[in-house]
């Protein structure tokens, strides 16, 4: 993998997607464990309230992560646009210099 220009692990191809997938896997595992515990105990009193709070906290964390991802993507897009504008300006200067040299 050293000279083939490939990355050694799938997560490095799209790190944000990999992190989302890992988060979903953890969320599914936690949900599965909660369902199993619910079936085992059969108690939906205070345990249900705790589960609801945990699920609400997980949903809020997921919403915060999604917002952070959106903000990060917006920032990347802004940087890319700035870079593109600078490249256009530089190309314009080069073209003008070339036109002046031809005269």
PDB file of N, CA and C in Angstrom:
ATOM      1  N   UNK A   1       0.806  -1.201   0.000  1.00  0.00           N
ATOM      2  CA  UNK A   1       0.000   0.000   0.000  1.00  0.00           C
ATOM      3  C   UNK A   1       0.847   1.262   0.000  1.00  0.00           C
ATOM      4  N   UNK A   2       2.152   1.153  -0.028  1.00  0.00           N
ATOM      5  CA  UNK A   2       2.974   2.342   0.122  1.00  0.00           C
ATOM      6  C   UNK A   2       3.074   3.176  -1.150  1.00  0.00           C
ATOM      7  N   UNK A   3       3.194   2.542  -2.310  1.00  0.00           N
ATOM      8  CA  UNK A   3       3.399   3.296  -3.536  1.00  0.00           C
ATOM      9  C   UNK A   3       2.232   3.202  -4.509  1.00  0.00           C
ATOM     10  N   UNK A   4       1.084   2.771  -4.051  1.00  0.00           N
ATOM     11  CA  UNK A   4      -0.041   2.595  -4.975  1.00  0.00           C
ATOM     12  C   UNK A   4      -1.046   3.730  -4.892  1.00  0.00           C
ATOM     13  N   UNK A   5      -0.788   4.713  -4.043  1.00  0.00           N
ATOM     14  CA  UNK A   5      -1.681   5.851  -3.853  1.00  0.00           C
ATOM     15  C   UNK A   5      -3.058   5.415  -3.354  1.00  0.00           C
ATOM     16  N   UNK A   6      -3.108   4.335  -2.619  1.00  0.00           N
ATOM     17  CA  UNK A   6      -4.355   3.896  -2.008  1.00  0.00           C
ATOM     18  C   UNK A   6      -4.231   4.044  -0.504  1.00  0.00           C
ATOM     19  N   UNK A   7      -5.356   4.227   0.126  1.00  0.00           N
ATOM     20  CA  UNK A   7      -5.350   4.351   1.573  1.00  0.00           C
ATOM     21  C   UNK A   7      -5.631   2.984   2.180  1.00  0.00           C
ATOM     22  N   UNK A   8      -5.011   2.676   3.307  1.00  0.00           N
ATOM     23  CA  UNK A   8      -5.059   1.322   3.846  1.00  0.00           C
ATOM     24  C   UNK A   8      -6.392   0.898   4.451  1.00  0.00           C
ATOM     25  N   UNK A   9      -7.263   1.813   4.790  1.00  0.00           N
ATOM     26  CA  UNK A   9      -8.506   1.431   5.440  1.00  0.00           C
ATOM     27  C   UNK A   9      -9.665   2.189   4.809  1.00  0.00           C
ATOM     28  N   UNK A  10     -10.824   1.556   4.783  1.00  0.00           N
ATOM     29  CA  UNK A  10     -12.007   2.130   4.146  1.00  0.00           C
ATOM     30  C   UNK A  10     -12.365   3.484   4.763  1.00  0.00           C
ATOM     31  N   UNK A  11     -12.164   3.637   6.062  1.00  0.00           N
ATOM     32  CA  UNK A  11     -12.577   4.868   6.712  1.00  0.00           C
ATOM     33  C   UNK A  11     -11.864   6.090   6.163  1.00  0.00           C
ATOM     34  N   UNK A  12     -10.676   5.921   5.600  1.00  0.00           N
ATOM     35  CA  UNK A  12      -9.931   7.069   5.102  1.00  0.00           C
ATOM     36  C   UNK A  12     -10.424   7.552   3.737  1.00  0.00           C
ATOM     37  N   UNK A  13     -11.274   6.808   3.087  1.00  0.00           N
ATOM     38  CA  UNK A  13     -11.811   7.257   1.812  1.00  0.00           C
ATOM     39  C   UNK A  13     -12.873   8.329   2.019  1.00  0.00           C
ATOM     40  N   UNK A  14     -13.692   8.183   3.051  1.00  0.00           N
ATOM     41  CA  UNK A  14     -14.691   9.192   3.395  1.00  0.00           C
ATOM     42  C   UNK A  14     -14.876   9.120   4.898  1.00  0.00           C
ATOM     43  N   UNK A  15     -14.084   9.894   5.609  1.00  0.00           N
ATOM     44  CA  UNK A  15     -14.031   9.806   7.062  1.00  0.00           C
ATOM     45  C   UNK A  15     -15.363  10.158   7.722  1.00  0.00           C
ATOM     46  N   UNK A  16     -16.042  11.186   7.197  1.00  0.00           N
ATOM     47  CA  UNK A  16     -17.324  11.565   7.797  1.00  0.00           C
ATOM     48  C   UNK A  16     -18.360  10.454   7.635  1.00  0.00           C
ATOM     49  N   UNK A  17     -18.419   9.827   6.478  1.00  0.00           N
ATOM     50  CA  UNK A  17     -19.362   8.723   6.252  1.00  0.00           C
ATOM     51  C   UNK A  17     -19.024   7.559   7.183  1.00  0.00           C
ATOM     52  N   UNK A  18     -17.745   7.259   7.338  1.00  0.00           N
ATOM     53  CA  UNK A  18     -17.329   6.155   8.206  1.00  0.00           C
ATOM     54  C   UNK A  18     -17.739   6.450   9.648  1.00  0.00           C
ATOM     55  N   UNK A  19     -17.526   7.711  10.107  1.00  0.00           N
ATOM     56  CA  UNK A  19     -17.911   8.068  11.470  1.00  0.00           C
ATOM     57  C   UNK A  19     -19.427   7.949  11.653  1.00  0.00           C
ATOM     58  N   UNK A  20     -20.205   8.383  10.639  1.00  0.00           N
ATOM     59  CA  UNK A  20     -21.660   8.238  10.715  1.00  0.00           C
ATOM     60  C   UNK A  20     -22.052   6.773  10.809  1.00  0.00           C
ATOM     61  N   UNK A  21     -21.410   5.927   9.979  1.00  0.00           N
ATOM     62  CA  UNK A  21     -21.713   4.492  10.003  1.00  0.00           C
ATOM     63  C   UNK A  21     -21.387   3.887  11.360  1.00  0.00           C
ATOM     64  N   UNK A  22     -20.252   4.290  11.937  1.00  0.00           N
ATOM     65  CA  UNK A  22     -19.873   3.774  13.253  1.00  0.00           C
ATOM     66  C   UNK A  22     -20.886   4.222  14.308  1.00  0.00           C
ATOM     67  N   UNK A  23     -21.318   5.475  14.216  1.00  0.00           N
ATOM     68  CA  UNK A  23     -22.309   5.976  15.164  1.00  0.00           C
ATOM     69  C   UNK A  23     -23.608   5.185  15.042  1.00  0.00           C
ATOM     70  N   UNK A  24     -24.035   4.921  13.803  1.00  0.00           N
ATOM     71  CA  UNK A  24     -25.265   4.151  13.602  1.00  0.00           C
ATOM     72  C   UNK A  24     -25.117   2.734  14.150  1.00  0.00           C
ATOM     73  N   UNK A  25     -23.954   2.124  13.948  1.00  0.00           N
ATOM     74  CA  UNK A  25     -23.729   0.778  14.474  1.00  0.00           C
ATOM     75  C   UNK A  25     -23.848   0.774  15.993  1.00  0.00           C
ATOM     76  N   UNK A  26     -23.237   1.772  16.649  1.00  0.00           N
ATOM     77  CA  UNK A  26     -23.309   1.852  18.109  1.00  0.00           C
ATOM     78  C   UNK A  26     -24.741   2.094  18.564  1.00  0.00           C
ATOM     79  N   UNK A  27     -25.436   2.972  17.830  1.00  0.00           N
ATOM     80  CA  UNK A  27     -26.827   3.278  18.182  1.00  0.00           C
ATOM     81  C   UNK A  27     -27.696   2.031  18.036  1.00  0.00           C
ATOM     82  N   UNK A  28     -27.507   1.270  16.958  1.00  0.00           N
ATOM     83  CA  UNK A  28     -28.288   0.050  16.754  1.00  0.00           C
ATOM     84  C   UNK A  28     -27.975  -0.978  17.841  1.00  0.00           C
ATOM     85  N   UNK A  29     -26.699  -1.099  18.202  1.00  0.00           N
ATOM     86  CA  UNK A  29     -26.325  -2.049  19.243  1.00  0.00           C
ATOM     87  C   UNK A  29     -26.950  -1.651  20.585  1.00  0.00           C
ATOM     88  N   UNK A  30     -26.931  -0.350  20.889  1.00  0.00           N
ATOM     89  CA  UNK A  30     -27.531   0.112  22.145  1.00  0.00           C
ATOM     90  C   UNK A  30     -29.036  -0.125  22.132  1.00  0.00           C
ATOM     91  N   UNK A  31     -29.657   0.132  20.998  1.00  0.00           N
ATOM     92  CA  UNK A  31     -31.104  -0.084  20.881  1.00  0.00           C
ATOM     93  C   UNK A  31     -31.432  -1.562  21.037  1.00  0.00           C
ATOM     94  N   UNK A  32     -30.625  -2.422  20.437  1.00  0.00           N
ATOM     95  CA  UNK A  32     -30.836  -3.862  20.546  1.00  0.00           C
ATOM     96  C   UNK A  32     -30.683  -4.316  22.002  1.00  0.00           C
ATOM     97  N   UNK A  33     -29.667  -3.765  22.690  1.00  0.00           N
ATOM     98  CA  UNK A  33     -29.457  -4.120  24.091  1.00  0.00           C
ATOM     99  C   UNK A  33     -30.631  -3.648  24.953  1.00  0.00           C
ATOM    100  N   UNK A  34     -31.159  -2.466  24.655  1.00  0.00           N
ATOM    101  CA  UNK A  34     -32.310  -1.972  25.407  1.00  0.00           C
ATOM    102  C   UNK A  34     -33.537  -2.853  25.194  1.00  0.00           C
ATOM    103  N   UNK A  35     -33.753  -3.261  23.949  1.00  0.00           N
ATOM    104  CA  UNK A  35     -34.886  -4.146  23.672  1.00  0.00           C
ATOM    105  C   UNK A  35     -34.726  -5.467  24.408  1.00  0.00           C
ATOM    106  N   UNK A  36     -33.510  -5.993  24.407  1.00  0.00           N
ATOM    107  CA  UNK A  36     -33.244  -7.267  25.082  1.00  0.00           C
ATOM    108  C   UNK A  36     -33.484  -7.109  26.585  1.00  0.00           C
ATOM    109  N   UNK A  37     -33.010  -6.013  27.155  1.00  0.00           N
ATOM    110  CA  UNK A  37     -33.206  -5.766  28.582  1.00  0.00           C
ATOM    111  C   UNK A  37     -34.690  -5.596  28.896  1.00  0.00           C
ATOM    112  N   UNK A  38     -35.421  -4.928  28.022  1.00  0.00           N
ATOM    113  CA  UNK A  38     -36.858  -4.734  28.224  1.00  0.00           C
ATOM    114  C   UNK A  38     -37.579  -6.082  28.240  1.00  0.00           C
ATOM    115  N   UNK A  39     -37.213  -6.956  27.292  1.00  0.00           N
ATOM    116  CA  UNK A  39     -37.842  -8.283  27.254  1.00  0.00           C
ATOM    117  C   UNK A  39     -37.484  -9.093  28.496  1.00  0.00           C
ATOM    118  N   UNK A  40     -36.237  -8.943  28.956  1.00  0.00           N
ATOM    119  CA  UNK A  40     -35.780  -9.720  30.097  1.00  0.00           C
ATOM    120  C   UNK A  40     -36.473  -9.276  31.381  1.00  0.00           C
ATOM    121  N   UNK A  41     -36.567  -7.973  31.605  1.00  0.00           N
ATOM    122  CA  UNK A  41     -37.135  -7.497  32.868  1.00  0.00           C
ATOM    123  C   UNK A  41     -38.646  -7.384  32.826  1.00  0.00           C
ATOM    124  N   UNK A  42     -39.203  -6.991  31.695  1.00  0.00           N
ATOM    125  CA  UNK A  42     -40.644  -6.821  31.601  1.00  0.00           C
ATOM    126  C   UNK A  42     -41.136  -5.613  32.382  1.00  0.00           C
ATOM    127  N   UNK A  43     -40.207  -4.806  32.894  1.00  0.00           N
ATOM    128  CA  UNK A  43     -40.570  -3.636  33.694  1.00  0.00           C
ATOM    129  C   UNK A  43     -40.489  -2.386  32.826  1.00  0.00           C
ATOM    130  N   UNK A  44     -41.598  -1.668  32.719  1.00  0.00           N
ATOM    131  CA  UNK A  44     -41.611  -0.457  31.907  1.00  0.00           C
ATOM    132  C   UNK A  44     -41.796   0.791  32.757  1.00  0.00           C
ATOM    133  N   UNK A  45     -41.616   0.693  34.057  1.00  0.00           N
ATOM    134  CA  UNK A  45     -41.790   1.855  34.940  1.00  0.00           C
ATOM    135  C   UNK A  45     -40.611   2.802  34.853  1.00  0.00           C
ATOM    136  N   UNK A  46     -39.848   2.933  35.924  1.00  0.00           N
ATOM    137  CA  UNK A  46     -38.701   3.847  35.937  1.00  0.00           C
ATOM    138  C   UNK A  46     -37.645   3.481  34.887  1.00  0.00           C
ATOM    139  N   UNK A  47     -37.587   2.208  34.576  1.00  0.00           N
ATOM    140  CA  UNK A  47     -36.619   1.773  33.563  1.00  0.00           C
ATOM    141  C   UNK A  47     -36.966   2.403  32.220  1.00  0.00           C
ATOM    142  N   UNK A  48     -38.272   2.466  31.915  1.00  0.00           N
ATOM    143  CA  UNK A  48     -38.709   3.073  30.656  1.00  0.00           C
ATOM    144  C   UNK A  48     -38.337   4.551  30.619  1.00  0.00           C
ATOM    145  N   UNK A  49     -38.485   5.244  31.743  1.00  0.00           N
ATOM    146  CA  UNK A  49     -38.121   6.657  31.796  1.00  0.00           C
ATOM    147  C   UNK A  49     -36.627   6.843  31.537  1.00  0.00           C
ATOM    148  N   UNK A  50     -35.830   5.983  32.137  1.00  0.00           N
ATOM    149  CA  UNK A  50     -34.385   6.066  31.920  1.00  0.00           C
ATOM    150  C   UNK A  50     -34.048   5.798  30.458  1.00  0.00           C
ATOM    151  N   UNK A  51     -34.721   4.819  29.867  1.00  0.00           N
ATOM    152  CA  UNK A  51     -34.491   4.510  28.450  1.00  0.00           C
ATOM    153  C   UNK A  51     -34.880   5.691  27.570  1.00  0.00           C
ATOM    154  N   UNK A  52     -36.031   6.281  27.887  1.00  0.00           N
ATOM    155  CA  UNK A  52     -36.484   7.435  27.119  1.00  0.00           C
ATOM    156  C   UNK A  52     -35.475   8.579  27.210  1.00  0.00           C
ATOM    157  N   UNK A  53     -34.957   8.803  28.410  1.00  0.00           N
ATOM    158  CA  UNK A  53     -33.955   9.859  28.585  1.00  0.00           C
ATOM    159  C   UNK A  53     -32.691   9.536  27.803  1.00  0.00           C
ATOM    160  N   UNK A  54     -32.277   8.273  27.846  1.00  0.00           N
ATOM    161  CA  UNK A  54     -31.086   7.867  27.095  1.00  0.00           C
ATOM    162  C   UNK A  54     -31.303   8.039  25.597  1.00  0.00           C
ATOM    163  N   UNK A  55     -32.478   7.629  25.118  1.00  0.00           N
ATOM    164  CA  UNK A  55     -32.767   7.778  23.690  1.00  0.00           C
ATOM    165  C   UNK A  55     -32.837   9.250  23.290  1.00  0.00           C
ATOM    166  N   UNK A  56     -33.446  10.060  24.141  1.00  0.00           N
ATOM    167  CA  UNK A  56     -33.534  11.492  23.871  1.00  0.00           C
ATOM    168  C   UNK A  56     -32.135  12.109  23.837  1.00  0.00           C
ATOM    169  N   UNK A  57     -31.298  11.716  24.779  1.00  0.00           N
ATOM    170  CA  UNK A  57     -29.926  12.224  24.807  1.00  0.00           C
ATOM    171  C   UNK A  57     -29.163  11.780  23.556  1.00  0.00           C
ATOM    172  N   UNK A  58     -29.374  10.534  23.133  1.00  0.00           N
ATOM    173  CA  UNK A  58     -28.705  10.037  21.926  1.00  0.00           C
ATOM    174  C   UNK A  58     -29.193  10.791  20.693  1.00  0.00           C
ATOM    175  N   UNK A  59     -30.497  11.063  20.621  1.00  0.00           N
ATOM    176  CA  UNK A  59     -31.034  11.824  19.491  1.00  0.00           C
ATOM    177  C   UNK A  59     -30.479  13.244  19.471  1.00  0.00           C
ATOM    178  N   UNK A  60     -30.362  13.860  20.645  1.00  0.00           N
ATOM    179  CA  UNK A  60     -29.804  15.208  20.720  1.00  0.00           C
ATOM    180  C   UNK A  60     -28.340  15.203  20.301  1.00  0.00           C
ATOM    181  N   UNK A  61     -27.601  14.192  20.732  1.00  0.00           N
ATOM    182  CA  UNK A  61     -26.195  14.089  20.342  1.00  0.00           C
ATOM    183  C   UNK A  61     -26.077  13.892  18.838  1.00  0.00           C
ATOM    184  N   UNK A  62     -26.958  13.084  18.279  1.00  0.00           N
ATOM    185  CA  UNK A  62     -26.946  12.856  16.839  1.00  0.00           C
ATOM    186  C   UNK A  62     -27.286  14.143  16.092  1.00  0.00           C
ATOM    187  N   UNK A  63     -28.241  14.912  16.610  1.00  0.00           N
ATOM    188  CA  UNK A  63     -28.602  16.182  15.981  1.00  0.00           C
ATOM    189  C   UNK A  63     -27.437  17.164  16.056  1.00  0.00           C
ATOM    190  N   UNK A  64     -26.747  17.202  17.207  1.00  0.00           N
ATOM    191  CA  UNK A  64     -25.571  18.071  17.321  1.00  0.00           C
ATOM    192  C   UNK A  64     -24.491  17.662  16.336  1.00  0.00           C
ATOM    193  N   UNK A  65     -24.278  16.356  16.194  1.00  0.00           N
ATOM    194  CA  UNK A  65     -23.267  15.862  15.251  1.00  0.00           C
ATOM    195  C   UNK A  65     -23.645  16.214  13.819  1.00  0.00           C
ATOM    196  N   UNK A  66     -24.919  16.078  13.485  1.00  0.00           N
ATOM    197  CA  UNK A  66     -25.372  16.422  12.130  1.00  0.00           C
ATOM    198  C   UNK A  66     -25.178  17.906  11.870  1.00  0.00           C
ATOM    199  N   UNK A  67     -25.483  18.741  12.868  1.00  0.00           N
ATOM    200  CA  UNK A  67     -25.288  20.181  12.714  1.00  0.00           C
ATOM    201  C   UNK A  67     -23.813  20.497  12.534  1.00  0.00           C
ATOM    202  N   UNK A  68     -22.958  19.856  13.327  1.00  0.00           N
ATOM    203  CA  UNK A  68     -21.512  20.077  13.204  1.00  0.00           C
ATOM    204  C   UNK A  68     -21.021  19.649  11.821  1.00  0.00           C
ATOM    205  N   UNK A  69     -21.547  18.536  11.312  1.00  0.00           N
ATOM    206  CA  UNK A  69     -21.161  18.066   9.978  1.00  0.00           C
ATOM    207  C   UNK A  69     -21.588  19.072   8.910  1.00  0.00           C
ATOM    208  N   UNK A  70     -22.807  19.598   9.035  1.00  0.00           N
ATOM    209  CA  UNK A  70     -23.287  20.603   8.071  1.00  0.00           C
ATOM    210  C   UNK A  70     -22.414  21.854   8.113  1.00  0.00           C
ATOM    211  N   UNK A  71     -22.087  22.309   9.332  1.00  0.00           N
ATOM    212  CA  UNK A  71     -21.249  23.502   9.466  1.00  0.00           C
ATOM    213  C   UNK A  71     -19.860  23.253   8.874  1.00  0.00           C
ATOM    214  N   UNK A  72     -19.323  22.074   9.113  1.00  0.00           N
ATOM    215  CA  UNK A  72     -18.011  21.722   8.572  1.00  0.00           C
ATOM    216  C   UNK A  72     -18.053  21.709   7.044  1.00  0.00           C
ATOM    217  N   UNK A  73     -19.095  21.112   6.485  1.00  0.00           N
ATOM    218  CA  UNK A  73     -19.233  21.073   5.019  1.00  0.00           C
ATOM    219  C   UNK A  73     -19.393  22.477   4.446  1.00  0.00           C
ATOM    220  N   UNK A  74     -20.154  23.330   5.129  1.00  0.00           N
ATOM    221  CA  UNK A  74     -20.319  24.712   4.686  1.00  0.00           C
ATOM    222  C   UNK A  74     -18.981  25.452   4.711  1.00  0.00           C
ATOM    223  N   UNK A  75     -18.212  25.216   5.770  1.00  0.00           N
ATOM    224  CA  UNK A  75     -16.893  25.862   5.878  1.00  0.00           C
ATOM    225  C   UNK A  75     -15.963  25.382   4.770  1.00  0.00           C
ATOM    226  N   UNK A  76     -15.989  24.087   4.494  1.00  0.00           N
ATOM    227  CA  UNK A  76     -15.166  23.554   3.403  1.00  0.00           C
ATOM    228  C   UNK A  76     -15.573  24.153   2.061  1.00  0.00           C
ATOM    229  N   UNK A  77     -16.867  24.289   1.848  1.00  0.00           N
ATOM    230  CA  UNK A  77     -17.349  24.870   0.597  1.00  0.00           C
ATOM    231  C   UNK A  77     -16.903  26.324   0.478  1.00  0.00           C
ATOM    232  N   UNK A  78     -16.954  27.069   1.566  1.00  0.00           N
ATOM    233  CA  UNK A  78     -16.522  28.468   1.545  1.00  0.00           C
ATOM    234  C   UNK A  78     -15.031  28.569   1.234  1.00  0.00           C
ATOM    235  N   UNK A  79     -14.236  27.701   1.833  1.00  0.00           N
ATOM    236  CA  UNK A  79     -12.796  27.696   1.564  1.00  0.00           C
ATOM    237  C   UNK A  79     -12.541  27.339   0.107  1.00  0.00           C
ATOM    238  N   UNK A  80     -13.268  26.386  -0.414  1.00  0.00           N
ATOM    239  CA  UNK A  80     -13.090  25.988  -1.812  1.00  0.00           C
ATOM    240  C   UNK A  80     -13.454  27.131  -2.746  1.00  0.00           C
ATOM    241  N   UNK A  81     -14.545  27.848  -2.451  1.00  0.00           N
ATOM    242  CA  UNK A  81     -14.938  28.982  -3.277  1.00  0.00           C
ATOM    243  C   UNK A  81     -13.894  30.091  -3.233  1.00  0.00           C
ATOM    244  N   UNK A  82     -13.356  30.346  -2.060  1.00  0.00           N
ATOM    245  CA  UNK A  82     -12.310  31.360  -1.924  1.00  0.00           C
ATOM    246  C   UNK A  82     -11.084  30.964  -2.735  1.00  0.00           C
ATOM    247  N   UNK A  83     -10.697  29.713  -2.622  1.00  0.00           N
ATOM    248  CA  UNK A  83      -9.546  29.216  -3.367  1.00  0.00           C
ATOM    249  C   UNK A  83      -9.795  29.327  -4.872  1.00  0.00           C
ATOM    250  N   UNK A  84     -10.986  28.976  -5.296  1.00  0.00           N
ATOM    251  CA  UNK A  84     -11.327  29.040  -6.715  1.00  0.00           C
ATOM    252  C   UNK A  84     -11.279  30.490  -7.212  1.00  0.00           C
ATOM    253  N   UNK A  85     -11.769  31.437  -6.422  1.00  0.00           N
ATOM    254  CA  UNK A  85     -11.738  32.848  -6.805  1.00  0.00           C
ATOM    255  C   UNK A  85     -10.298  33.338  -6.924  1.00  0.00           C
ATOM    256  N   UNK A  86      -9.436  32.912  -5.995  1.00  0.00           N
ATOM    257  CA  UNK A  86      -8.023  33.306  -6.056  1.00  0.00           C
ATOM    258  C   UNK A  86      -7.356  32.726  -7.304  1.00  0.00           C
ATOM    259  N   UNK A  87      -7.689  31.488  -7.638  1.00  0.00           N
ATOM    260  CA  UNK A  87      -7.116  30.865  -8.835  1.00  0.00           C
ATOM    261  C   UNK A  87      -7.558  31.608 -10.091  1.00  0.00           C
ATOM    262  N   UNK A  88      -8.836  31.994 -10.153  1.00  0.00           N
ATOM    263  CA  UNK A  88      -9.343  32.746 -11.310  1.00  0.00           C
ATOM    264  C   UNK A  88      -8.623  34.081 -11.435  1.00  0.00           C
ATOM    265  N   UNK A  89      -8.427  34.738 -10.308  1.00  0.00           N
ATOM    266  CA  UNK A  89      -7.736  36.026 -10.323  1.00  0.00           C
ATOM    267  C   UNK A  89      -6.296  35.868 -10.799  1.00  0.00           C
ATOM    268  N   UNK A  90      -5.630  34.838 -10.318  1.00  0.00           N
ATOM    269  CA  UNK A  90      -4.253  34.586 -10.732  1.00  0.00           C
ATOM    270  C   UNK A  90      -4.181  34.267 -12.227  1.00  0.00           C
ATOM    271  N   UNK A  91      -5.121  33.463 -12.710  1.00  0.00           N
ATOM    272  CA  UNK A  91      -5.142  33.135 -14.136  1.00  0.00           C
ATOM    273  C   UNK A  91      -5.411  34.389 -14.970  1.00  0.00           C
ATOM    274  N   UNK A  92      -6.243  35.273 -14.479  1.00  0.00           N
ATOM    275  CA  UNK A  92      -6.531  36.522 -15.174  1.00  0.00           C
ATOM    276  C   UNK A  92      -5.274  37.372 -15.264  1.00  0.00           C
ATOM    277  N   UNK A  93      -4.523  37.455 -14.172  1.00  0.00           N
ATOM    278  CA  UNK A  93      -3.269  38.216 -14.180  1.00  0.00           C
ATOM    279  C   UNK A  93      -2.262  37.614 -15.152  1.00  0.00           C
ATOM    280  N   UNK A  94      -2.176  36.299 -15.167  1.00  0.00           N
ATOM    281  CA  UNK A  94      -1.250  35.626 -16.084  1.00  0.00           C
ATOM    282  C   UNK A  94      -1.648  35.898 -17.525  1.00  0.00           C
ATOM    283  N   UNK A  95      -2.932  35.820 -17.806  1.00  0.00           N
ATOM    284  CA  UNK A  95      -3.418  36.073 -19.162  1.00  0.00           C
ATOM    285  C   UNK A  95      -3.135  37.514 -19.567  1.00  0.00           C
ATOM    286  N   UNK A  96      -3.373  38.456 -18.670  1.00  0.00           N
ATOM    287  CA  UNK A  96      -3.088  39.857 -18.974  1.00  0.00           C
ATOM    288  C   UNK A  96      -1.599  40.072 -19.228  1.00  0.00           C
ATOM    289  N   UNK A  97      -0.758  39.451 -18.434  1.00  0.00           N
ATOM    290  CA  UNK A  97       0.696  39.581 -18.615  1.00  0.00           C
ATOM    291  C   UNK A  97       1.110  38.993 -19.958  1.00  0.00           C
ATOM    292  N   UNK A  98       0.512  37.870 -20.326  1.00  0.00           N
ATOM    293  CA  UNK A  98       0.835  37.236 -21.613  1.00  0.00           C
ATOM    294  C   UNK A  98       0.386  38.126 -22.776  1.00  0.00           C
ATOM    295  N   UNK A  99      -0.773  38.752 -22.641  1.00  0.00           N
ATOM    296  CA  UNK A  99      -1.269  39.651 -23.686  1.00  0.00           C
ATOM    297  C   UNK A  99      -0.374  40.879 -23.815  1.00  0.00           C
ATOM    298  N   UNK A 100       0.091  41.402 -22.675  1.00  0.00           N
ATOM    299  CA  UNK A 100       0.975  42.550 -22.692  1.00  0.00           C
ATOM    300  C   UNK A 100       2.328  42.190 -23.316  1.00  0.00           C
ATOM    301  N   UNK A 101       2.805  40.971 -23.087  1.00  0.00           N
ATOM    302  CA  UNK A 101       4.076  40.526 -23.629  1.00  0.00           C
ATOM    303  C   UNK A 101       3.987  40.331 -25.138  1.00  0.00           C
ATOM    304  N   UNK A 102       2.828  39.978 -25.623  1.00  0.00           N
ATOM    305  CA  UNK A 102       2.645  39.778 -27.082  1.00  0.00           C
ATOM    306  C   UNK A 102       2.700  41.100 -27.834  1.00  0.00           C
ATOM    307  N   UNK A 103       2.326  42.171 -27.183  1.00  0.00           N
ATOM    308  CA  UNK A 103       2.281  43.476 -27.866  1.00  0.00           C
ATOM    309  C   UNK A 103       3.611  44.051 -28.059  1.00  0.00           C
TER     310      UNK A 103
END
